[in-house]
Amino acid sequence: KAVEVLGKVFLEKMLKELSTEVKVLIKALFEVETTDMKEV
């Protein structure tokens, strides 16, 4: 579990360091892929 926690913290740190533009692109792609789920 220690590895999973460290991995999660690392990913969160990377996300925080991403530029706003990259966040917008990722969010847009994520929303497109989860459109079917949001219809529920």
C-alpha atoms as a PDB file:
ATOM      1  CA  LYS A   1       0.000   0.000   0.000  1.00  0.00           C
ATOM      2  CA  ALA A   2       2.932   2.328   0.649  1.00  0.00           C
ATOM      3  CA  VAL A   3       3.816   2.278  -3.029  1.00  0.00           C
ATOM      4  CA  GLU A   4       0.226   3.085  -3.996  1.00  0.00           C
ATOM      5  CA  VAL A   5       0.126   6.029  -1.597  1.00  0.00           C
ATOM      6  CA  LEU A   6       3.425   7.401  -2.877  1.00  0.00           C
ATOM      7  CA  GLY A   7       2.221   6.970  -6.450  1.00  0.00           C
ATOM      8  CA  LYS A   8      -0.997   8.836  -5.679  1.00  0.00           C
ATOM      9  CA  VAL A   9       0.878  11.704  -4.017  1.00  0.00           C
ATOM     10  CA  PHE A  10       3.264  11.867  -6.972  1.00  0.00           C
ATOM     11  CA  LEU A  11       0.403  12.017  -9.472  1.00  0.00           C
ATOM     12  CA  GLU A  12      -1.395  14.695  -7.454  1.00  0.00           C
ATOM     13  CA  LYS A  13       1.805  16.757  -7.318  1.00  0.00           C
ATOM     14  CA  MET A  14       2.211  16.443 -11.091  1.00  0.00           C
ATOM     15  CA  LEU A  15      -1.398  17.509 -11.669  1.00  0.00           C
ATOM     16  CA  LYS A  16      -0.931  20.576  -9.470  1.00  0.00           C
ATOM     17  CA  GLU A  17       2.167  21.532 -11.461  1.00  0.00           C
ATOM     18  CA  LEU A  18       0.407  21.240 -14.815  1.00  0.00           C
ATOM     19  CA  SER A  19      -0.439  24.465 -16.548  1.00  0.00           C
ATOM     20  CA  THR A  20      -4.059  25.624 -16.613  1.00  0.00           C
ATOM     21  CA  GLU A  21      -4.187  25.051 -20.368  1.00  0.00           C
ATOM     22  CA  VAL A  22      -3.150  21.421 -19.981  1.00  0.00           C
ATOM     23  CA  LYS A  23      -5.728  20.943 -17.216  1.00  0.00           C
ATOM     24  CA  VAL A  24      -8.452  22.304 -19.499  1.00  0.00           C
ATOM     25  CA  LEU A  25      -7.430  19.927 -22.296  1.00  0.00           C
ATOM     26  CA  ILE A  26      -7.352  16.917 -19.968  1.00  0.00           C
ATOM     27  CA  LYS A  27     -10.705  17.889 -18.445  1.00  0.00           C
ATOM     28  CA  ALA A  28     -12.255  18.259 -21.907  1.00  0.00           C
ATOM     29  CA  LEU A  29     -10.966  14.851 -22.997  1.00  0.00           C
ATOM     30  CA  PHE A  30     -12.136  13.268 -19.737  1.00  0.00           C
ATOM     31  CA  GLU A  31     -15.615  14.774 -20.101  1.00  0.00           C
ATOM     32  CA  VAL A  32     -15.896  13.487 -23.674  1.00  0.00           C
ATOM     33  CA  GLU A  33     -14.955   9.979 -22.551  1.00  0.00           C
ATOM     34  CA  THR A  34     -17.412  10.053 -19.631  1.00  0.00           C
ATOM     35  CA  THR A  35     -20.370  11.644 -21.425  1.00  0.00           C
ATOM     36  CA  ASP A  36     -22.380   8.413 -21.228  1.00  0.00           C
ATOM     37  CA  MET A  37     -21.812   8.172 -17.481  1.00  0.00           C
ATOM     38  CA  LYS A  38     -22.936  11.758 -16.878  1.00  0.00           C
ATOM     39  CA  GLU A  39     -26.267  11.064 -18.601  1.00  0.00           C
ATOM     40  CA  VAL A  40     -27.248   8.757 -15.732  1.00  0.00           C
END
